[in-house]
Amino acid sequence: MRKKTNPKSQNKPAAKLETLTFPARLNKYISNAGICSRRDAEVLITEGKIKINDKVITELGTKVEYGDVVKFNNKVIKPQNYAYILLNKPKDYITTMDDPENRKTVMQLINGATESRIYPVGRLDRNTTGLLLFTNDGDLSQKLTHPSYQIKKIYQVELDKPLTAFHFEQIANGIKLEDGEVKVDEIAILSSDKRSIGVQIHVGKNRIVRRIFEHFEYEVVKLDRTMYGPLTKKELPKGKWRNLTDREVVVLKNLS
């Protein structure tokens, strides 16, 4: 019998956190506070939504000095250390910060992982399992979700019936859905019964993998994201989380 491990032992050492030095550019200060990316912070500044010491700031490039009070929508914001958490999401959890219907959320699974306020990067639907990244690094989050960076994601799909050779070729060559054309990067049959399929895709459209197969009237029985960019599920049991390593953070930031 396999020896059970302590859940905390799955949490590898945290990546070194980026700290803010003063004077700091205002857009970087806002991003470090976990509000948004630096680019989006510039929009907030030009729209007059940021105050320093109760004075509305609209000039890009403004510096924040140590001890300055910065407000967004009249609420004080403070820089946080960056945190990067990887979760192996189980089924029946929704990807949202909270839920008015009291359903289980992914935030409950990473409760206590960090003192910083972190957010999921993208989303997995309730019945999809696998890798989900959380961070308060707004610039990295925007990079990972922007289609121009083409971050690869690999899924293992279980279908209710065998995938036909005709449909396999159509999916590989690209199909047209209601919101436009979609082409997978790679597709492979993983089992002799042709019900287990591997799909690599970089498109970030909502429920895209499920919709590809539903287009041909297949029911997706199970859907598991096994790889997100360079990140894998190795040594990360379902329902557990870990901090990214220094190397993983550097690799993610250098993706192009």
C-alpha atoms as a PDB file:
ATOM      1  CA  MET A   1       0.000   0.000   0.000  1.00  0.00           C
ATOM      2  CA  ARG A   2       1.285   3.414  -0.910  1.00  0.00           C
ATOM      3  CA  LYS A   3       2.224   5.492   2.091  1.00  0.00           C
ATOM      4  CA  LYS A   4       0.040   8.562   2.570  1.00  0.00           C
ATOM      5  CA  THR A   5       1.822  11.896   2.505  1.00  0.00           C
ATOM      6  CA  ASN A   6       1.187  14.994   4.521  1.00  0.00           C
ATOM      7  CA  PRO A   7      -0.572  17.560   2.266  1.00  0.00           C
ATOM      8  CA  LYS A   8       1.843  20.244   3.423  1.00  0.00           C
ATOM      9  CA  SER A   9       4.752  18.200   2.079  1.00  0.00           C
ATOM     10  CA  GLN A  10       3.401  18.831  -1.427  1.00  0.00           C
ATOM     11  CA  ASN A  11       4.066  22.548  -1.093  1.00  0.00           C
ATOM     12  CA  LYS A  12       7.522  23.199  -2.527  1.00  0.00           C
ATOM     13  CA  PRO A  13       9.562  26.244  -1.399  1.00  0.00           C
ATOM     14  CA  ALA A  14       8.047  29.498  -2.546  1.00  0.00           C
ATOM     15  CA  ALA A  15       9.619  31.512  -5.305  1.00  0.00           C
ATOM     16  CA  LYS A  16      11.469  34.598  -4.117  1.00  0.00           C
ATOM     17  CA  LEU A  17       8.960  37.399  -3.968  1.00  0.00           C
ATOM     18  CA  GLU A  18       9.495  40.667  -5.784  1.00  0.00           C
ATOM     19  CA  THR A  19       9.521  43.650  -3.466  1.00  0.00           C
ATOM     20  CA  LEU A  20       8.873  47.270  -4.327  1.00  0.00           C
ATOM     21  CA  THR A  21      11.638  49.840  -3.979  1.00  0.00           C
ATOM     22  CA  PHE A  22      10.962  53.570  -3.596  1.00  0.00           C
ATOM     23  CA  PRO A  23      10.532  55.896  -5.307  1.00  0.00           C
ATOM     24  CA  ALA A  24       8.369  53.583  -7.430  1.00  0.00           C
ATOM     25  CA  ARG A  25       6.486  54.237 -10.640  1.00  0.00           C
ATOM     26  CA  LEU A  26       2.788  54.570  -9.876  1.00  0.00           C
ATOM     27  CA  ASN A  27       1.704  51.925 -12.398  1.00  0.00           C
ATOM     28  CA  LYS A  28       4.087  49.402 -10.826  1.00  0.00           C
ATOM     29  CA  TYR A  29       2.810  50.294  -7.346  1.00  0.00           C
ATOM     30  CA  ILE A  30      -0.784  49.646  -8.483  1.00  0.00           C
ATOM     31  CA  SER A  31       0.214  46.344 -10.090  1.00  0.00           C
ATOM     32  CA  ASN A  32       2.076  45.252  -6.943  1.00  0.00           C
ATOM     33  CA  ALA A  33      -1.066  46.003  -4.966  1.00  0.00           C
ATOM     34  CA  GLY A  34      -2.775  43.258  -6.976  1.00  0.00           C
ATOM     35  CA  ILE A  35      -5.247  45.610  -8.678  1.00  0.00           C
ATOM     36  CA  CYS A  36      -4.340  44.951 -12.326  1.00  0.00           C
ATOM     37  CA  SER A  37      -1.415  44.821 -14.760  1.00  0.00           C
ATOM     38  CA  ARG A  38       0.872  47.814 -15.247  1.00  0.00           C
ATOM     39  CA  ARG A  39      -0.687  48.490 -18.641  1.00  0.00           C
ATOM     40  CA  ASP A  40      -4.203  48.515 -17.184  1.00  0.00           C
ATOM     41  CA  ALA A  41      -2.923  50.643 -14.292  1.00  0.00           C
ATOM     42  CA  GLU A  42      -1.960  53.339 -16.796  1.00  0.00           C
ATOM     43  CA  VAL A  43      -5.581  53.432 -17.948  1.00  0.00           C
ATOM     44  CA  LEU A  44      -6.763  53.875 -14.347  1.00  0.00           C
ATOM     45  CA  ILE A  45      -4.297  56.733 -13.926  1.00  0.00           C
ATOM     46  CA  THR A  46      -5.347  58.589 -17.079  1.00  0.00           C
ATOM     47  CA  GLU A  47      -9.012  58.129 -16.124  1.00  0.00           C
ATOM     48  CA  GLY A  48      -8.349  59.935 -12.828  1.00  0.00           C
ATOM     49  CA  LYS A  49      -9.178  56.947 -10.610  1.00  0.00           C
ATOM     50  CA  ILE A  50      -5.925  57.079  -8.616  1.00  0.00           C
ATOM     51  CA  LYS A  51      -5.046  59.477  -5.818  1.00  0.00           C
ATOM     52  CA  ILE A  52      -1.752  60.077  -4.030  1.00  0.00           C
ATOM     53  CA  ASN A  53      -2.160  61.812  -0.670  1.00  0.00           C
ATOM     54  CA  ASP A  54      -5.748  62.664  -1.687  1.00  0.00           C
ATOM     55  CA  LYS A  55      -4.649  64.383  -4.904  1.00  0.00           C
ATOM     56  CA  VAL A  56      -5.988  62.958  -8.188  1.00  0.00           C
ATOM     57  CA  ILE A  57      -3.107  61.820 -10.395  1.00  0.00           C
ATOM     58  CA  THR A  58      -3.471  61.637 -14.174  1.00  0.00           C
ATOM     59  CA  GLU A  59       0.144  61.921 -15.301  1.00  0.00           C
ATOM     60  CA  LEU A  60       1.860  58.703 -16.396  1.00  0.00           C
ATOM     61  CA  GLY A  61       5.318  58.214 -14.950  1.00  0.00           C
ATOM     62  CA  THR A  62       4.378  59.707 -11.571  1.00  0.00           C
ATOM     63  CA  LYS A  63       6.537  58.319  -8.758  1.00  0.00           C
ATOM     64  CA  VAL A  64       5.316  57.141  -5.359  1.00  0.00           C
ATOM     65  CA  GLU A  65       7.532  57.982  -2.395  1.00  0.00           C
ATOM     66  CA  TYR A  66       7.798  55.845   0.722  1.00  0.00           C
ATOM     67  CA  GLY A  67       4.976  56.814   3.094  1.00  0.00           C
ATOM     68  CA  ASP A  68       2.675  58.172   0.381  1.00  0.00           C
ATOM     69  CA  VAL A  69      -0.980  57.127   0.682  1.00  0.00           C
ATOM     70  CA  VAL A  70      -2.279  55.759  -2.623  1.00  0.00           C
ATOM     71  CA  LYS A  71      -6.001  55.275  -3.221  1.00  0.00           C
ATOM     72  CA  PHE A  72      -7.991  53.520  -5.930  1.00  0.00           C
ATOM     73  CA  ASN A  73     -11.705  54.373  -5.970  1.00  0.00           C
ATOM     74  CA  ASN A  74     -11.077  56.211  -2.669  1.00  0.00           C
ATOM     75  CA  LYS A  75      -9.782  53.021  -0.983  1.00  0.00           C
ATOM     76  CA  VAL A  76      -6.202  52.798   0.245  1.00  0.00           C
ATOM     77  CA  ILE A  77      -4.119  50.260  -1.670  1.00  0.00           C
ATOM     78  CA  LYS A  78      -0.774  48.860  -0.576  1.00  0.00           C
ATOM     79  CA  PRO A  79       1.838  46.851  -2.457  1.00  0.00           C
ATOM     80  CA  GLN A  80       1.982  43.134  -1.767  1.00  0.00           C
ATOM     81  CA  ASN A  81       4.659  40.549  -2.270  1.00  0.00           C
ATOM     82  CA  TYR A  82       4.046  38.541  -5.401  1.00  0.00           C
ATOM     83  CA  ALA A  83       2.774  35.009  -4.864  1.00  0.00           C
ATOM     84  CA  TYR A  84       2.463  32.178  -7.395  1.00  0.00           C
ATOM     85  CA  ILE A  85       0.332  29.162  -6.461  1.00  0.00           C
ATOM     86  CA  LEU A  86      -0.356  26.114  -8.632  1.00  0.00           C
ATOM     87  CA  LEU A  87      -3.460  24.025  -7.848  1.00  0.00           C
ATOM     88  CA  ASN A  88      -4.506  20.619  -9.169  1.00  0.00           C
ATOM     89  CA  LYS A  89      -8.214  21.393  -9.244  1.00  0.00           C
ATOM     90  CA  PRO A  90     -10.685  18.584  -8.473  1.00  0.00           C
ATOM     91  CA  LYS A  91     -14.184  18.278  -9.892  1.00  0.00           C
ATOM     92  CA  ASP A  92     -17.180  20.204  -8.476  1.00  0.00           C
ATOM     93  CA  TYR A  93     -15.279  23.413  -7.639  1.00  0.00           C
ATOM     94  CA  ILE A  94     -16.027  26.613  -9.534  1.00  0.00           C
ATOM     95  CA  THR A  95     -13.360  29.129 -10.550  1.00  0.00           C
ATOM     96  CA  THR A  96     -14.545  32.283  -8.825  1.00  0.00           C
ATOM     97  CA  MET A  97     -13.557  34.358  -5.817  1.00  0.00           C
ATOM     98  CA  ASP A  98     -16.892  33.726  -4.083  1.00  0.00           C
ATOM     99  CA  ASP A  99     -20.282  32.339  -4.999  1.00  0.00           C
ATOM    100  CA  PRO A 100     -23.705  33.717  -3.991  1.00  0.00           C
ATOM    101  CA  GLU A 101     -25.161  30.212  -4.300  1.00  0.00           C
ATOM    102  CA  ASN A 102     -22.704  28.864  -1.714  1.00  0.00           C
ATOM    103  CA  ARG A 103     -21.128  26.376  -4.111  1.00  0.00           C
ATOM    104  CA  LYS A 104     -17.563  25.205  -3.485  1.00  0.00           C
ATOM    105  CA  THR A 105     -14.925  27.497  -4.980  1.00  0.00           C
ATOM    106  CA  VAL A 106     -11.258  27.029  -5.835  1.00  0.00           C
ATOM    107  CA  MET A 107     -10.386  29.752  -3.311  1.00  0.00           C
ATOM    108  CA  GLN A 108     -11.376  27.374  -0.512  1.00  0.00           C
ATOM    109  CA  LEU A 109      -8.743  24.906  -1.723  1.00  0.00           C
ATOM    110  CA  ILE A 110      -5.884  27.424  -1.457  1.00  0.00           C
ATOM    111  CA  ASN A 111      -7.047  29.026   1.772  1.00  0.00           C
ATOM    112  CA  GLY A 112      -3.974  29.913   3.849  1.00  0.00           C
ATOM    113  CA  ALA A 113      -1.544  29.490   0.949  1.00  0.00           C
ATOM    114  CA  THR A 114      -0.458  33.140   1.162  1.00  0.00           C
ATOM    115  CA  GLU A 115      -1.319  36.343   2.977  1.00  0.00           C
ATOM    116  CA  SER A 116      -1.476  38.167  -0.368  1.00  0.00           C
ATOM    117  CA  ARG A 117      -4.757  38.472  -2.230  1.00  0.00           C
ATOM    118  CA  ILE A 118      -4.345  36.266  -5.279  1.00  0.00           C
ATOM    119  CA  TYR A 119      -6.587  35.546  -8.252  1.00  0.00           C
ATOM    120  CA  PRO A 120      -6.968  32.630 -10.672  1.00  0.00           C
ATOM    121  CA  VAL A 121      -5.322  33.048 -14.064  1.00  0.00           C
ATOM    122  CA  GLY A 122      -8.096  32.147 -16.493  1.00  0.00           C
ATOM    123  CA  ARG A 123     -10.612  29.559 -15.393  1.00  0.00           C
ATOM    124  CA  LEU A 124     -11.655  25.917 -15.466  1.00  0.00           C
ATOM    125  CA  ASP A 125     -15.342  25.084 -15.447  1.00  0.00           C
ATOM    126  CA  ARG A 126     -16.933  23.227 -12.559  1.00  0.00           C
ATOM    127  CA  ASN A 127     -16.524  19.732 -14.000  1.00  0.00           C
ATOM    128  CA  THR A 128     -13.040  20.237 -15.448  1.00  0.00           C
ATOM    129  CA  THR A 129     -10.068  19.137 -13.361  1.00  0.00           C
ATOM    130  CA  GLY A 130      -6.367  19.914 -13.538  1.00  0.00           C
ATOM    131  CA  LEU A 131      -3.880  22.737 -13.400  1.00  0.00           C
ATOM    132  CA  LEU A 132      -4.972  26.217 -12.333  1.00  0.00           C
ATOM    133  CA  LEU A 133      -2.527  29.011 -11.548  1.00  0.00           C
ATOM    134  CA  PHE A 134      -3.125  31.807  -9.014  1.00  0.00           C
ATOM    135  CA  THR A 135      -1.125  35.000  -8.598  1.00  0.00           C
ATOM    136  CA  ASN A 136      -1.304  38.689  -7.756  1.00  0.00           C
ATOM    137  CA  ASP A 137       1.257  39.486 -10.459  1.00  0.00           C
ATOM    138  CA  GLY A 138      -1.006  41.407 -12.824  1.00  0.00           C
ATOM    139  CA  ASP A 139       1.552  41.663 -15.618  1.00  0.00           C
ATOM    140  CA  LEU A 140       2.195  37.921 -15.678  1.00  0.00           C
ATOM    141  CA  SER A 141      -1.519  37.140 -15.490  1.00  0.00           C
ATOM    142  CA  GLN A 142      -2.225  39.364 -18.483  1.00  0.00           C
ATOM    143  CA  LYS A 143       0.631  37.782 -20.414  1.00  0.00           C
ATOM    144  CA  LEU A 144      -0.555  34.229 -19.754  1.00  0.00           C
ATOM    145  CA  THR A 145      -4.122  34.982 -20.838  1.00  0.00           C
ATOM    146  CA  HIS A 146      -3.369  37.167 -23.870  1.00  0.00           C
ATOM    147  CA  PRO A 147      -3.852  35.220 -27.134  1.00  0.00           C
ATOM    148  CA  SER A 148      -0.741  36.726 -28.741  1.00  0.00           C
ATOM    149  CA  TYR A 149       1.536  34.744 -26.393  1.00  0.00           C
ATOM    150  CA  GLN A 150      -0.123  31.441 -27.382  1.00  0.00           C
ATOM    151  CA  ILE A 151       0.442  29.723 -24.036  1.00  0.00           C
ATOM    152  CA  LYS A 152      -0.026  26.009 -24.652  1.00  0.00           C
ATOM    153  CA  LYS A 153      -2.440  23.937 -22.588  1.00  0.00           C
ATOM    154  CA  ILE A 154      -2.705  20.149 -22.776  1.00  0.00           C
ATOM    155  CA  TYR A 155      -5.926  18.335 -21.886  1.00  0.00           C
ATOM    156  CA  GLN A 156      -6.856  14.687 -21.527  1.00  0.00           C
ATOM    157  CA  VAL A 157     -10.409  14.162 -22.752  1.00  0.00           C
ATOM    158  CA  GLU A 158     -12.635  11.139 -22.057  1.00  0.00           C
ATOM    159  CA  LEU A 159     -15.540  10.762 -24.507  1.00  0.00           C
ATOM    160  CA  ASP A 160     -18.779   8.793 -24.258  1.00  0.00           C
ATOM    161  CA  LYS A 161     -18.025   6.986 -27.546  1.00  0.00           C
ATOM    162  CA  PRO A 162     -15.053   6.364 -29.849  1.00  0.00           C
ATOM    163  CA  LEU A 163     -13.768   9.306 -31.872  1.00  0.00           C
ATOM    164  CA  THR A 164     -14.133   8.547 -35.582  1.00  0.00           C
ATOM    165  CA  ALA A 165     -11.239   9.007 -38.000  1.00  0.00           C
ATOM    166  CA  PHE A 166     -13.344  11.522 -39.948  1.00  0.00           C
ATOM    167  CA  HIS A 167     -13.970  13.708 -36.892  1.00  0.00           C
ATOM    168  CA  PHE A 168     -10.327  13.341 -35.808  1.00  0.00           C
ATOM    169  CA  GLU A 169      -9.185  14.792 -39.143  1.00  0.00           C
ATOM    170  CA  GLN A 170     -11.748  17.596 -39.023  1.00  0.00           C
ATOM    171  CA  ILE A 171     -10.652  18.659 -35.541  1.00  0.00           C
ATOM    172  CA  ALA A 172      -6.977  18.477 -36.539  1.00  0.00           C
ATOM    173  CA  ASN A 173      -7.597  20.637 -39.620  1.00  0.00           C
ATOM    174  CA  GLY A 174      -9.778  23.200 -37.813  1.00  0.00           C
ATOM    175  CA  ILE A 175     -13.497  23.634 -37.377  1.00  0.00           C
ATOM    176  CA  LYS A 176     -15.869  26.582 -37.287  1.00  0.00           C
ATOM    177  CA  LEU A 177     -17.863  27.155 -34.109  1.00  0.00           C
ATOM    178  CA  GLU A 178     -20.471  29.812 -33.401  1.00  0.00           C
ATOM    179  CA  ASP A 179     -17.782  32.281 -32.257  1.00  0.00           C
ATOM    180  CA  GLY A 180     -15.287  31.633 -35.025  1.00  0.00           C
ATOM    181  CA  GLU A 181     -12.780  29.138 -36.361  1.00  0.00           C
ATOM    182  CA  VAL A 182     -10.823  26.964 -33.948  1.00  0.00           C
ATOM    183  CA  LYS A 183      -7.784  24.817 -34.639  1.00  0.00           C
ATOM    184  CA  VAL A 184      -6.024  22.660 -32.080  1.00  0.00           C
ATOM    185  CA  ASP A 185      -2.219  22.601 -32.023  1.00  0.00           C
ATOM    186  CA  GLU A 186      -2.107  18.818 -31.681  1.00  0.00           C
ATOM    187  CA  ILE A 187      -4.553  15.959 -31.183  1.00  0.00           C
ATOM    188  CA  ALA A 188      -3.797  12.305 -30.371  1.00  0.00           C
ATOM    189  CA  ILE A 189      -5.761   9.163 -29.556  1.00  0.00           C
ATOM    190  CA  LEU A 190      -4.540   7.781 -26.229  1.00  0.00           C
ATOM    191  CA  SER A 191      -6.504   4.535 -25.859  1.00  0.00           C
ATOM    192  CA  SER A 192      -7.350   1.508 -27.984  1.00  0.00           C
ATOM    193  CA  ASP A 193     -11.089   2.202 -27.637  1.00  0.00           C
ATOM    194  CA  LYS A 194     -10.506   5.730 -29.076  1.00  0.00           C
ATOM    195  CA  ARG A 195     -12.398   7.373 -26.235  1.00  0.00           C
ATOM    196  CA  SER A 196      -9.361   8.869 -24.502  1.00  0.00           C
ATOM    197  CA  ILE A 197      -7.995  11.820 -26.468  1.00  0.00           C
ATOM    198  CA  GLY A 198      -5.082  14.176 -25.900  1.00  0.00           C
ATOM    199  CA  VAL A 199      -5.475  17.770 -27.077  1.00  0.00           C
ATOM    200  CA  GLN A 200      -2.951  20.596 -27.099  1.00  0.00           C
ATOM    201  CA  ILE A 201      -4.430  24.039 -27.647  1.00  0.00           C
ATOM    202  CA  HIS A 202      -3.534  27.654 -26.961  1.00  0.00           C
ATOM    203  CA  VAL A 203      -6.939  29.228 -27.666  1.00  0.00           C
ATOM    204  CA  GLY A 204      -8.446  30.629 -24.472  1.00  0.00           C
ATOM    205  CA  LYS A 205     -12.129  30.731 -25.431  1.00  0.00           C
ATOM    206  CA  ASN A 206     -14.712  29.696 -22.843  1.00  0.00           C
ATOM    207  CA  ARG A 207     -15.249  25.902 -22.632  1.00  0.00           C
ATOM    208  CA  ILE A 208     -13.407  25.546 -25.927  1.00  0.00           C
ATOM    209  CA  VAL A 209     -12.305  21.900 -25.578  1.00  0.00           C
ATOM    210  CA  ARG A 210     -15.774  20.729 -24.569  1.00  0.00           C
ATOM    211  CA  ARG A 211     -17.373  22.714 -27.385  1.00  0.00           C
ATOM    212  CA  ILE A 212     -15.052  21.202 -29.991  1.00  0.00           C
ATOM    213  CA  PHE A 213     -16.303  17.692 -29.223  1.00  0.00           C
ATOM    214  CA  GLU A 214     -19.895  18.729 -28.525  1.00  0.00           C
ATOM    215  CA  HIS A 215     -19.904  20.173 -32.052  1.00  0.00           C
ATOM    216  CA  PHE A 216     -19.752  16.564 -33.299  1.00  0.00           C
ATOM    217  CA  GLU A 217     -22.284  15.356 -30.688  1.00  0.00           C
ATOM    218  CA  TYR A 218     -19.799  13.702 -28.343  1.00  0.00           C
ATOM    219  CA  GLU A 219     -20.322  13.990 -24.606  1.00  0.00           C
ATOM    220  CA  VAL A 220     -17.167  14.884 -22.690  1.00  0.00           C
ATOM    221  CA  VAL A 221     -17.282  12.537 -19.713  1.00  0.00           C
ATOM    222  CA  LYS A 222     -14.030  13.776 -18.167  1.00  0.00           C
ATOM    223  CA  LEU A 223     -11.770  16.708 -18.942  1.00  0.00           C
ATOM    224  CA  ASP A 224      -8.415  17.186 -17.232  1.00  0.00           C
ATOM    225  CA  ARG A 225      -5.816  19.912 -17.872  1.00  0.00           C
ATOM    226  CA  THR A 226      -2.498  18.126 -17.480  1.00  0.00           C
ATOM    227  CA  MET A 227      -0.137  20.891 -18.600  1.00  0.00           C
ATOM    228  CA  TYR A 228      -0.267  24.690 -18.475  1.00  0.00           C
ATOM    229  CA  GLY A 229       2.629  26.325 -20.323  1.00  0.00           C
ATOM    230  CA  PRO A 230       5.702  24.619 -18.829  1.00  0.00           C
ATOM    231  CA  LEU A 231       3.858  23.602 -15.634  1.00  0.00           C
ATOM    232  CA  THR A 232       2.856  19.971 -15.058  1.00  0.00           C
ATOM    233  CA  LYS A 233       0.947  17.959 -12.447  1.00  0.00           C
ATOM    234  CA  LYS A 234       4.057  16.024 -11.395  1.00  0.00           C
ATOM    235  CA  GLU A 235       3.955  15.264  -7.640  1.00  0.00           C
ATOM    236  CA  LEU A 236       0.828  17.385  -7.208  1.00  0.00           C
ATOM    237  CA  PRO A 237      -2.169  15.272  -6.093  1.00  0.00           C
ATOM    238  CA  LYS A 238      -5.676  16.343  -6.972  1.00  0.00           C
ATOM    239  CA  GLY A 239      -7.002  18.997  -4.607  1.00  0.00           C
ATOM    240  CA  LYS A 240      -3.499  20.063  -3.475  1.00  0.00           C
ATOM    241  CA  TRP A 241      -1.471  23.173  -4.231  1.00  0.00           C
ATOM    242  CA  ARG A 242       2.150  24.231  -4.195  1.00  0.00           C
ATOM    243  CA  ASN A 243       4.209  27.392  -4.625  1.00  0.00           C
ATOM    244  CA  LEU A 244       6.014  27.795  -7.907  1.00  0.00           C
ATOM    245  CA  THR A 245       9.796  27.524  -7.734  1.00  0.00           C
ATOM    246  CA  ASP A 246      12.110  30.390  -8.647  1.00  0.00           C
ATOM    247  CA  ARG A 247      12.934  28.678 -11.935  1.00  0.00           C
ATOM    248  CA  GLU A 248       9.278  28.201 -12.873  1.00  0.00           C
ATOM    249  CA  VAL A 249       8.501  31.877 -12.286  1.00  0.00           C
ATOM    250  CA  VAL A 250      11.468  32.939 -14.427  1.00  0.00           C
ATOM    251  CA  VAL A 251      10.417  30.573 -17.230  1.00  0.00           C
ATOM    252  CA  LEU A 252       6.832  31.890 -17.184  1.00  0.00           C
ATOM    253  CA  LYS A 253       7.997  35.498 -17.293  1.00  0.00           C
ATOM    254  CA  ASN A 254      10.276  34.764 -20.239  1.00  0.00           C
ATOM    255  CA  LEU A 255       7.656  33.025 -22.356  1.00  0.00           C
ATOM    256  CA  SER A 256       7.245  34.693 -25.733  1.00  0.00           C
END
